[in-house]
Every structure is written in C-alpha cells, then in structure tokens.
mmCIF file of all heavy atoms, coordinates in Angstrom:
data_MODEL
# 
_entry.id   MODEL 
# 
loop_
_atom_site.group_PDB 
_atom_site.id 
_atom_site.type_symbol 
_atom_site.label_atom_id 
_atom_site.label_alt_id 
_atom_site.label_comp_id 
_atom_site.label_asym_id 
_atom_site.label_entity_id 
_atom_site.label_seq_id 
_atom_site.pdbx_PDB_ins_code 
_atom_site.Cartn_x 
_atom_site.Cartn_y 
_atom_site.Cartn_z 
_atom_site.occupancy 
_atom_site.B_iso_or_equiv 
_atom_site.pdbx_formal_charge 
_atom_site.auth_seq_id 
_atom_site.auth_comp_id 
_atom_site.auth_asym_id 
_atom_site.auth_atom_id 
_atom_site.pdbx_PDB_model_num 
ATOM 1   N N   . ARG A 1 1  ? 49.076 29.110 33.746 1.00 0.00 ? 1  ARG A N   1 
ATOM 2   C CA  . ARG A 1 1  ? 48.561 29.070 35.121 1.00 0.00 ? 1  ARG A CA  1 
ATOM 3   C C   . ARG A 1 1  ? 47.069 28.724 35.170 1.00 0.00 ? 1  ARG A C   1 
ATOM 4   O O   . ARG A 1 1  ? 46.474 28.692 36.233 1.00 0.00 ? 1  ARG A O   1 
ATOM 5   C CB  . ARG A 1 1  ? 48.771 30.429 35.808 1.00 0.00 ? 1  ARG A CB  1 
ATOM 6   C CG  . ARG A 1 1  ? 50.216 30.926 35.786 1.00 0.00 ? 1  ARG A CG  1 
ATOM 7   C CD  . ARG A 1 1  ? 51.112 30.049 36.649 1.00 0.00 ? 1  ARG A CD  1 
ATOM 8   N NE  . ARG A 1 1  ? 52.458 30.582 36.740 1.00 0.00 ? 1  ARG A NE  1 
ATOM 9   C CZ  . ARG A 1 1  ? 53.459 30.253 35.927 1.00 0.00 ? 1  ARG A CZ  1 
ATOM 10  N NH1 . ARG A 1 1  ? 53.250 29.393 34.944 1.00 0.00 ? 1  ARG A NH1 1 
ATOM 11  N NH2 . ARG A 1 1  ? 54.656 30.772 36.084 1.00 0.00 ? 1  ARG A NH2 1 
ATOM 12  N N   . VAL A 1 2  ? 46.466 28.495 34.014 1.00 0.00 ? 2  VAL A N   1 
ATOM 13  C CA  . VAL A 1 2  ? 45.017 28.320 33.937 1.00 0.00 ? 2  VAL A CA  1 
ATOM 14  C C   . VAL A 1 2  ? 44.638 26.848 34.052 1.00 0.00 ? 2  VAL A C   1 
ATOM 15  O O   . VAL A 1 2  ? 45.260 25.986 33.434 1.00 0.00 ? 2  VAL A O   1 
ATOM 16  C CB  . VAL A 1 2  ? 44.484 28.895 32.606 1.00 0.00 ? 2  VAL A CB  1 
ATOM 17  C CG1 . VAL A 1 2  ? 43.091 28.377 32.304 1.00 0.00 ? 2  VAL A CG1 1 
ATOM 18  C CG2 . VAL A 1 2  ? 44.459 30.417 32.664 1.00 0.00 ? 2  VAL A CG2 1 
ATOM 19  N N   . ASP A 1 3  ? 43.614 26.569 34.875 1.00 0.00 ? 3  ASP A N   1 
ATOM 20  C CA  . ASP A 1 3  ? 42.927 25.289 34.835 1.00 0.00 ? 3  ASP A CA  1 
ATOM 21  C C   . ASP A 1 3  ? 41.443 25.570 35.047 1.00 0.00 ? 3  ASP A C   1 
ATOM 22  O O   . ASP A 1 3  ? 41.036 26.719 35.220 1.00 0.00 ? 3  ASP A O   1 
ATOM 23  C CB  . ASP A 1 3  ? 43.484 24.314 35.876 1.00 0.00 ? 3  ASP A CB  1 
ATOM 24  C CG  . ASP A 1 3  ? 43.434 24.883 37.303 1.00 0.00 ? 3  ASP A CG  1 
ATOM 25  O OD1 . ASP A 1 3  ? 42.458 25.588 37.635 1.00 0.00 ? 3  ASP A OD1 1 
ATOM 26  O OD2 . ASP A 1 3  ? 44.384 24.635 38.077 1.00 0.00 ? 3  ASP A OD2 1 
ATOM 27  N N   . ASN A 1 4  ? 40.638 24.538 35.046 1.00 0.00 ? 4  ASN A N   1 
ATOM 28  C CA  . ASN A 1 4  ? 39.199 24.755 35.139 1.00 0.00 ? 4  ASN A CA  1 
ATOM 29  C C   . ASN A 1 4  ? 38.785 25.415 36.447 1.00 0.00 ? 4  ASN A C   1 
ATOM 30  O O   . ASN A 1 4  ? 37.767 26.091 36.521 1.00 0.00 ? 4  ASN A O   1 
ATOM 31  C CB  . ASN A 1 4  ? 38.460 23.422 34.979 1.00 0.00 ? 4  ASN A CB  1 
ATOM 32  C CG  . ASN A 1 4  ? 38.518 22.911 33.551 1.00 0.00 ? 4  ASN A CG  1 
ATOM 33  O OD1 . ASN A 1 4  ? 38.662 23.691 32.621 1.00 0.00 ? 4  ASN A OD1 1 
ATOM 34  N ND2 . ASN A 1 4  ? 38.424 21.599 33.382 1.00 0.00 ? 4  ASN A ND2 1 
ATOM 35  N N   . ALA A 1 5  ? 39.587 25.227 37.499 1.00 0.00 ? 5  ALA A N   1 
ATOM 36  C CA  . ALA A 1 5  ? 39.225 25.772 38.809 1.00 0.00 ? 5  ALA A CA  1 
ATOM 37  C C   . ALA A 1 5  ? 39.481 27.277 38.905 1.00 0.00 ? 5  ALA A C   1 
ATOM 38  O O   . ALA A 1 5  ? 38.765 27.981 39.612 1.00 0.00 ? 5  ALA A O   1 
ATOM 39  C CB  . ALA A 1 5  ? 39.990 25.040 39.903 1.00 0.00 ? 5  ALA A CB  1 
ATOM 40  N N   . ASN A 1 6  ? 40.519 27.766 38.211 1.00 0.00 ? 6  ASN A N   1 
ATOM 41  C CA  . ASN A 1 6  ? 40.873 29.181 38.388 1.00 0.00 ? 6  ASN A CA  1 
ATOM 42  C C   . ASN A 1 6  ? 40.748 30.006 37.122 1.00 0.00 ? 6  ASN A C   1 
ATOM 43  O O   . ASN A 1 6  ? 41.132 31.171 37.102 1.00 0.00 ? 6  ASN A O   1 
ATOM 44  C CB  . ASN A 1 6  ? 42.304 29.301 38.927 1.00 0.00 ? 6  ASN A CB  1 
ATOM 45  C CG  . ASN A 1 6  ? 43.354 28.798 37.942 1.00 0.00 ? 6  ASN A CG  1 
ATOM 46  O OD1 . ASN A 1 6  ? 43.062 28.507 36.785 1.00 0.00 ? 6  ASN A OD1 1 
ATOM 47  N ND2 . ASN A 1 6  ? 44.585 28.695 38.399 1.00 0.00 ? 6  ASN A ND2 1 
ATOM 48  N N   . ARG A 1 7  ? 40.210 29.426 36.042 1.00 0.00 ? 7  ARG A N   1 
ATOM 49  C CA  . ARG A 1 7  ? 40.155 30.131 34.758 1.00 0.00 ? 7  ARG A CA  1 
ATOM 50  C C   . ARG A 1 7  ? 39.415 31.464 34.880 1.00 0.00 ? 7  ARG A C   1 
ATOM 51  O O   . ARG A 1 7  ? 39.881 32.507 34.422 1.00 0.00 ? 7  ARG A O   1 
ATOM 52  C CB  . ARG A 1 7  ? 39.483 29.257 33.706 1.00 0.00 ? 7  ARG A CB  1 
ATOM 53  C CG  . ARG A 1 7  ? 39.442 29.912 32.325 1.00 0.00 ? 7  ARG A CG  1 
ATOM 54  C CD  . ARG A 1 7  ? 38.728 29.016 31.326 1.00 0.00 ? 7  ARG A CD  1 
ATOM 55  N NE  . ARG A 1 7  ? 39.382 27.729 31.234 1.00 0.00 ? 7  ARG A NE  1 
ATOM 56  C CZ  . ARG A 1 7  ? 40.448 27.495 30.489 1.00 0.00 ? 7  ARG A CZ  1 
ATOM 57  N NH1 . ARG A 1 7  ? 41.000 28.487 29.816 1.00 0.00 ? 7  ARG A NH1 1 
ATOM 58  N NH2 . ARG A 1 7  ? 40.975 26.295 30.445 1.00 0.00 ? 7  ARG A NH2 1 
ATOM 59  N N   . GLY A 1 8  ? 38.232 31.438 35.497 1.00 0.00 ? 8  GLY A N   1 
ATOM 60  C CA  . GLY A 1 8  ? 37.445 32.659 35.606 1.00 0.00 ? 8  GLY A CA  1 
ATOM 61  C C   . GLY A 1 8  ? 38.152 33.732 36.420 1.00 0.00 ? 8  GLY A C   1 
ATOM 62  O O   . GLY A 1 8  ? 38.128 34.913 36.077 1.00 0.00 ? 8  GLY A O   1 
ATOM 63  N N   . THR A 1 9  ? 38.811 33.319 37.500 1.00 0.00 ? 9  THR A N   1 
ATOM 64  C CA  . THR A 1 9  ? 39.509 34.283 38.359 1.00 0.00 ? 9  THR A CA  1 
ATOM 65  C C   . THR A 1 9  ? 40.674 34.937 37.618 1.00 0.00 ? 9  THR A C   1 
ATOM 66  O O   . THR A 1 9  ? 40.850 36.155 37.666 1.00 0.00 ? 9  THR A O   1 
ATOM 67  C CB  . THR A 1 9  ? 40.036 33.574 39.617 1.00 0.00 ? 9  THR A CB  1 
ATOM 68  O OG1 . THR A 1 9  ? 38.923 33.038 40.342 1.00 0.00 ? 9  THR A OG1 1 
ATOM 69  C CG2 . THR A 1 9  ? 40.788 34.548 40.511 1.00 0.00 ? 9  THR A CG2 1 
ATOM 70  N N   . ILE A 1 10 ? 41.481 34.113 36.932 1.00 0.00 ? 10 ILE A N   1 
ATOM 71  C CA  . ILE A 1 10 ? 42.638 34.667 36.223 1.00 0.00 ? 10 ILE A CA  1 
ATOM 72  C C   . ILE A 1 10 ? 42.202 35.547 35.062 1.00 0.00 ? 10 ILE A C   1 
ATOM 73  O O   . ILE A 1 10 ? 42.764 36.623 34.838 1.00 0.00 ? 10 ILE A O   1 
ATOM 74  C CB  . ILE A 1 10 ? 43.565 33.524 35.754 1.00 0.00 ? 10 ILE A CB  1 
ATOM 75  C CG1 . ILE A 1 10 ? 44.265 32.904 36.967 1.00 0.00 ? 10 ILE A CG1 1 
ATOM 76  C CG2 . ILE A 1 10 ? 44.595 34.024 34.743 1.00 0.00 ? 10 ILE A CG2 1 
ATOM 77  C CD1 . ILE A 1 10 ? 45.203 31.768 36.631 1.00 0.00 ? 10 ILE A CD1 1 
ATOM 78  N N   . PHE A 1 11 ? 41.193 35.115 34.323 1.00 0.00 ? 11 PHE A N   1 
ATOM 79  C CA  . PHE A 1 11 ? 40.718 35.927 33.211 1.00 0.00 ? 11 PHE A CA  1 
ATOM 80  C C   . PHE A 1 11 ? 40.153 37.248 33.716 1.00 0.00 ? 11 PHE A C   1 
ATOM 81  O O   . PHE A 1 11 ? 40.386 38.311 33.136 1.00 0.00 ? 11 PHE A O   1 
ATOM 82  C CB  . PHE A 1 11 ? 39.659 35.159 32.417 1.00 0.00 ? 11 PHE A CB  1 
ATOM 83  C CG  . PHE A 1 11 ? 39.209 35.871 31.166 1.00 0.00 ? 11 PHE A CG  1 
ATOM 84  C CD1 . PHE A 1 11 ? 40.132 36.290 30.223 1.00 0.00 ? 11 PHE A CD1 1 
ATOM 85  C CD2 . PHE A 1 11 ? 37.865 36.121 30.932 1.00 0.00 ? 11 PHE A CD2 1 
ATOM 86  C CE1 . PHE A 1 11 ? 39.732 36.939 29.068 1.00 0.00 ? 11 PHE A CE1 1 
ATOM 87  C CE2 . PHE A 1 11 ? 37.446 36.769 29.782 1.00 0.00 ? 11 PHE A CE2 1 
ATOM 88  C CZ  . PHE A 1 11 ? 38.373 37.169 28.839 1.00 0.00 ? 11 PHE A CZ  1 
ATOM 89  N N   . ALA A 1 12 ? 39.402 37.206 34.830 1.00 0.00 ? 12 ALA A N   1 
ATOM 90  C CA  . ALA A 1 12 ? 38.871 38.440 35.409 1.00 0.00 ? 12 ALA A CA  1 
ATOM 91  C C   . ALA A 1 12 ? 39.999 39.364 35.860 1.00 0.00 ? 12 ALA A C   1 
ATOM 92  O O   . ALA A 1 12 ? 39.955 40.583 35.654 1.00 0.00 ? 12 ALA A O   1 
ATOM 93  C CB  . ALA A 1 12 ? 37.950 38.112 36.584 1.00 0.00 ? 12 ALA A CB  1 
ATOM 94  N N   . GLY A 1 13 ? 41.040 38.770 36.480 1.00 0.00 ? 13 GLY A N   1 
ATOM 95  C CA  . GLY A 1 13 ? 42.178 39.577 36.900 1.00 0.00 ? 13 GLY A CA  1 
ATOM 96  C C   . GLY A 1 13 ? 42.876 40.236 35.730 1.00 0.00 ? 13 GLY A C   1 
ATOM 97  O O   . GLY A 1 13 ? 43.293 41.405 35.800 1.00 0.00 ? 13 GLY A O   1 
ATOM 98  N N   . TYR A 1 14 ? 42.997 39.510 34.626 1.00 0.00 ? 14 TYR A N   1 
ATOM 99  C CA  . TYR A 1 14 ? 43.624 40.067 33.420 1.00 0.00 ? 14 TYR A CA  1 
ATOM 100 C C   . TYR A 1 14 ? 42.777 41.203 32.846 1.00 0.00 ? 14 TYR A C   1 
ATOM 101 O O   . TYR A 1 14 ? 43.307 42.243 32.435 1.00 0.00 ? 14 TYR A O   1 
ATOM 102 C CB  . TYR A 1 14 ? 43.808 38.957 32.397 1.00 0.00 ? 14 TYR A CB  1 
ATOM 103 C CG  . TYR A 1 14 ? 44.459 39.409 31.111 1.00 0.00 ? 14 TYR A CG  1 
ATOM 104 C CD1 . TYR A 1 14 ? 45.715 40.009 31.113 1.00 0.00 ? 14 TYR A CD1 1 
ATOM 105 C CD2 . TYR A 1 14 ? 43.824 39.229 29.878 1.00 0.00 ? 14 TYR A CD2 1 
ATOM 106 C CE1 . TYR A 1 14 ? 46.321 40.413 29.936 1.00 0.00 ? 14 TYR A CE1 1 
ATOM 107 C CE2 . TYR A 1 14 ? 44.419 39.636 28.704 1.00 0.00 ? 14 TYR A CE2 1 
ATOM 108 C CZ  . TYR A 1 14 ? 45.675 40.220 28.731 1.00 0.00 ? 14 TYR A CZ  1 
ATOM 109 O OH  . TYR A 1 14 ? 46.252 40.631 27.557 1.00 0.00 ? 14 TYR A OH  1 
ATOM 110 N N   . MET A 1 15 ? 41.457 41.008 32.814 1.00 0.00 ? 15 MET A N   1 
ATOM 111 C CA  . MET A 1 15 ? 40.570 42.059 32.314 1.00 0.00 ? 15 MET A CA  1 
ATOM 112 C C   . MET A 1 15 ? 40.675 43.321 33.177 1.00 0.00 ? 15 MET A C   1 
ATOM 113 O O   . MET A 1 15 ? 40.756 44.442 32.665 1.00 0.00 ? 15 MET A O   1 
ATOM 114 C CB  . MET A 1 15 ? 39.122 41.551 32.290 1.00 0.00 ? 15 MET A CB  1 
ATOM 115 C CG  . MET A 1 15 ? 38.840 40.499 31.235 1.00 0.00 ? 15 MET A CG  1 
ATOM 116 S SD  . MET A 1 15 ? 37.139 39.866 31.331 1.00 0.00 ? 15 MET A SD  1 
ATOM 117 C CE  . MET A 1 15 ? 36.199 41.334 30.906 1.00 0.00 ? 15 MET A CE  1 
ATOM 118 N N   . ILE A 1 16 ? 40.684 43.134 34.493 1.00 0.00 ? 16 ILE A N   1 
ATOM 119 C CA  . ILE A 1 16 ? 40.745 44.280 35.403 1.00 0.00 ? 16 ILE A CA  1 
ATOM 120 C C   . ILE A 1 16 ? 42.071 45.020 35.237 1.00 0.00 ? 16 ILE A C   1 
ATOM 121 O O   . ILE A 1 16 ? 42.106 46.255 35.149 1.00 0.00 ? 16 ILE A O   1 
ATOM 122 C CB  . ILE A 1 16 ? 40.550 43.828 36.859 1.00 0.00 ? 16 ILE A CB  1 
ATOM 123 C CG1 . ILE A 1 16 ? 39.113 43.332 37.067 1.00 0.00 ? 16 ILE A CG1 1 
ATOM 124 C CG2 . ILE A 1 16 ? 40.868 44.961 37.830 1.00 0.00 ? 16 ILE A CG2 1 
ATOM 125 C CD1 . ILE A 1 16 ? 38.890 42.645 38.400 1.00 0.00 ? 16 ILE A CD1 1 
ATOM 126 N N   . ALA A 1 17 ? 43.184 44.265 35.194 1.00 0.00 ? 17 ALA A N   1 
ATOM 127 C CA  . ALA A 1 17 ? 44.493 44.901 35.024 1.00 0.00 ? 17 ALA A CA  1 
ATOM 128 C C   . ALA A 1 17 ? 44.567 45.649 33.701 1.00 0.00 ? 17 ALA A C   1 
ATOM 129 O O   . ALA A 1 17 ? 45.090 46.778 33.635 1.00 0.00 ? 17 ALA A O   1 
ATOM 130 C CB  . ALA A 1 17 ? 45.600 43.846 35.095 1.00 0.00 ? 17 ALA A CB  1 
ATOM 131 N N   . SER A 1 18 ? 44.033 45.055 32.644 1.00 0.00 ? 18 SER A N   1 
ATOM 132 C CA  . SER A 1 18 ? 44.088 45.678 31.320 1.00 0.00 ? 18 SER A CA  1 
ATOM 133 C C   . SER A 1 18 ? 43.240 46.940 31.253 1.00 0.00 ? 18 SER A C   1 
ATOM 134 O O   . SER A 1 18 ? 43.713 48.011 30.860 1.00 0.00 ? 18 SER A O   1 
ATOM 135 C CB  . SER A 1 18 ? 43.622 44.681 30.246 1.00 0.00 ? 18 SER A CB  1 
ATOM 136 O OG  . SER A 1 18 ? 44.465 43.563 30.191 1.00 0.00 ? 18 SER A OG  1 
ATOM 137 N N   . MET A 1 19 ? 41.987 46.816 31.665 1.00 0.00 ? 19 MET A N   1 
ATOM 138 C CA  . MET A 1 19 ? 41.065 47.940 31.486 1.00 0.00 ? 19 MET A CA  1 
ATOM 139 C C   . MET A 1 19 ? 41.345 49.068 32.475 1.00 0.00 ? 19 MET A C   1 
ATOM 140 O O   . MET A 1 19 ? 41.227 50.241 32.132 1.00 0.00 ? 19 MET A O   1 
ATOM 141 C CB  . MET A 1 19 ? 39.622 47.453 31.614 1.00 0.00 ? 19 MET A CB  1 
ATOM 142 C CG  . MET A 1 19 ? 39.248 46.372 30.616 1.00 0.00 ? 19 MET A CG  1 
ATOM 143 S SD  . MET A 1 19 ? 39.907 46.650 28.942 1.00 0.00 ? 19 MET A SD  1 
ATOM 144 C CE  . MET A 1 19 ? 39.206 48.255 28.556 1.00 0.00 ? 19 MET A CE  1 
ATOM 145 N N   . SER A 1 20 ? 41.735 48.729 33.700 1.00 0.00 ? 20 SER A N   1 
ATOM 146 C CA  . SER A 1 20 ? 42.061 49.794 34.654 1.00 0.00 ? 20 SER A CA  1 
ATOM 147 C C   . SER A 1 20 ? 43.333 50.512 34.210 1.00 0.00 ? 20 SER A C   1 
ATOM 148 O O   . SER A 1 20 ? 43.462 51.734 34.374 1.00 0.00 ? 20 SER A O   1 
ATOM 149 C CB  . SER A 1 20 ? 42.231 49.223 36.063 1.00 0.00 ? 20 SER A CB  1 
ATOM 150 O OG  . SER A 1 20 ? 43.268 48.259 36.113 1.00 0.00 ? 20 SER A OG  1 
ATOM 151 N N   . GLY A 1 21 ? 44.278 49.764 33.625 1.00 0.00 ? 21 GLY A N   1 
ATOM 152 C CA  . GLY A 1 21 ? 45.491 50.393 33.109 1.00 0.00 ? 21 GLY A CA  1 
ATOM 153 C C   . GLY A 1 21 ? 45.192 51.340 31.972 1.00 0.00 ? 21 GLY A C   1 
ATOM 154 O O   . GLY A 1 21 ? 45.698 52.481 31.943 1.00 0.00 ? 21 GLY A O   1 
ATOM 155 N N   . VAL A 1 22 ? 44.387 50.911 31.019 1.00 0.00 ? 22 VAL A N   1 
ATOM 156 C CA  . VAL A 1 22 ? 44.021 51.779 29.891 1.00 0.00 ? 22 VAL A CA  1 
ATOM 157 C C   . VAL A 1 22 ? 43.291 53.024 30.379 1.00 0.00 ? 22 VAL A C   1 
ATOM 158 O O   . VAL A 1 22 ? 43.602 54.150 29.978 1.00 0.00 ? 22 VAL A O   1 
ATOM 159 C CB  . VAL A 1 22 ? 43.154 51.014 28.873 1.00 0.00 ? 22 VAL A CB  1 
ATOM 160 C CG1 . VAL A 1 22 ? 42.583 51.966 27.834 1.00 0.00 ? 22 VAL A CG1 1 
ATOM 161 C CG2 . VAL A 1 22 ? 43.978 49.939 28.179 1.00 0.00 ? 22 VAL A CG2 1 
ATOM 162 N N   . GLY A 1 23 ? 42.310 52.820 31.271 1.00 0.00 ? 23 GLY A N   1 
ATOM 163 C CA  . GLY A 1 23 ? 41.544 53.960 31.771 1.00 0.00 ? 23 GLY A CA  1 
ATOM 164 C C   . GLY A 1 23 ? 42.413 54.945 32.529 1.00 0.00 ? 23 GLY A C   1 
ATOM 165 O O   . GLY A 1 23 ? 42.325 56.163 32.306 1.00 0.00 ? 23 GLY A O   1 
ATOM 166 N N   . ALA A 1 24 ? 43.270 54.441 33.402 1.00 0.00 ? 24 ALA A N   1 
ATOM 167 C CA  . ALA A 1 24 ? 44.150 55.332 34.159 1.00 0.00 ? 24 ALA A CA  1 
ATOM 168 C C   . ALA A 1 24 ? 45.139 56.039 33.244 1.00 0.00 ? 24 ALA A C   1 
ATOM 169 O O   . ALA A 1 24 ? 45.445 57.226 33.434 1.00 0.00 ? 24 ALA A O   1 
ATOM 170 C CB  . ALA A 1 24 ? 44.900 54.533 35.229 1.00 0.00 ? 24 ALA A CB  1 
ATOM 171 N N   . GLY A 1 25 ? 45.629 55.328 32.222 1.00 0.00 ? 25 GLY A N   1 
ATOM 172 C CA  . GLY A 1 25 ? 46.561 55.945 31.282 1.00 0.00 ? 25 GLY A CA  1 
ATOM 173 C C   . GLY A 1 25 ? 45.947 57.097 30.522 1.00 0.00 ? 25 GLY A C   1 
ATOM 174 O O   . GLY A 1 25 ? 46.609 58.118 30.264 1.00 0.00 ? 25 GLY A O   1 
ATOM 175 N N   . GLN A 1 26 ? 44.672 56.972 30.168 1.00 0.00 ? 26 GLN A N   1 
ATOM 176 C CA  . GLN A 1 26 ? 44.002 58.057 29.459 1.00 0.00 ? 26 GLN A CA  1 
ATOM 177 C C   . GLN A 1 26 ? 43.897 59.309 30.315 1.00 0.00 ? 26 GLN A C   1 
ATOM 178 O O   . GLN A 1 26 ? 43.954 60.428 29.801 1.00 0.00 ? 26 GLN A O   1 
ATOM 179 C CB  . GLN A 1 26 ? 42.609 57.591 29.012 1.00 0.00 ? 26 GLN A CB  1 
ATOM 180 C CG  . GLN A 1 26 ? 42.655 56.548 27.909 1.00 0.00 ? 26 GLN A CG  1 
ATOM 181 C CD  . GLN A 1 26 ? 41.315 55.903 27.633 1.00 0.00 ? 26 GLN A CD  1 
ATOM 182 O OE1 . GLN A 1 26 ? 40.367 56.035 28.420 1.00 0.00 ? 26 GLN A OE1 1 
ATOM 183 N NE2 . GLN A 1 26 ? 41.206 55.201 26.528 1.00 0.00 ? 26 GLN A NE2 1 
ATOM 184 N N   . PHE A 1 27 ? 43.788 59.123 31.624 1.00 0.00 ? 27 PHE A N   1 
ATOM 185 C CA  . PHE A 1 27 ? 43.655 60.279 32.513 1.00 0.00 ? 27 PHE A CA  1 
ATOM 186 C C   . PHE A 1 27 ? 45.005 60.912 32.862 1.00 0.00 ? 27 PHE A C   1 
ATOM 187 O O   . PHE A 1 27 ? 45.042 61.905 33.586 1.00 0.00 ? 27 PHE A O   1 
ATOM 188 C CB  . PHE A 1 27 ? 42.898 59.883 33.776 1.00 0.00 ? 27 PHE A CB  1 
ATOM 189 C CG  . PHE A 1 27 ? 41.411 59.840 33.581 1.00 0.00 ? 27 PHE A CG  1 
ATOM 190 C CD1 . PHE A 1 27 ? 40.772 58.654 33.271 1.00 0.00 ? 27 PHE A CD1 1 
ATOM 191 C CD2 . PHE A 1 27 ? 40.652 61.000 33.672 1.00 0.00 ? 27 PHE A CD2 1 
ATOM 192 C CE1 . PHE A 1 27 ? 39.402 58.614 33.069 1.00 0.00 ? 27 PHE A CE1 1 
ATOM 193 C CE2 . PHE A 1 27 ? 39.279 60.979 33.467 1.00 0.00 ? 27 PHE A CE2 1 
ATOM 194 C CZ  . PHE A 1 27 ? 38.654 59.778 33.167 1.00 0.00 ? 27 PHE A CZ  1 
ATOM 195 N N   . ILE A 1 28 ? 46.098 60.358 32.337 1.00 0.00 ? 28 ILE A N   1 
ATOM 196 C CA  . ILE A 1 28 ? 47.390 61.034 32.465 1.00 0.00 ? 28 ILE A CA  1 
ATOM 197 C C   . ILE A 1 28 ? 47.469 62.200 31.483 1.00 0.00 ? 28 ILE A C   1 
ATOM 198 O O   . ILE A 1 28 ? 48.203 63.168 31.712 1.00 0.00 ? 28 ILE A O   1 
ATOM 199 C CB  . ILE A 1 28 ? 48.538 60.037 32.229 1.00 0.00 ? 28 ILE A CB  1 
ATOM 200 C CG1 . ILE A 1 28 ? 48.527 58.950 33.304 1.00 0.00 ? 28 ILE A CG1 1 
ATOM 201 C CG2 . ILE A 1 28 ? 49.900 60.730 32.208 1.00 0.00 ? 28 ILE A CG2 1 
ATOM 202 C CD1 . ILE A 1 28 ? 49.525 57.827 33.053 1.00 0.00 ? 28 ILE A CD1 1 
# 
C-alpha cells in the first residue's frame, strides 16, 4: 500500500499501532 505520497502516513500509523499496543498490553 506504500508509495511516495503516503509512505510517511502509513509508517507512522504502523508505529502508533505497534507501540500503543505494546504499551497497553503491559498495563494489562
């Protein structure tokens, strides 16, 4: 789904989903 126009947005979304998931999981 990546091209030069949306690369930063998709990568940022992946980082947010990953790190928020890890952080929330630790608080379980």
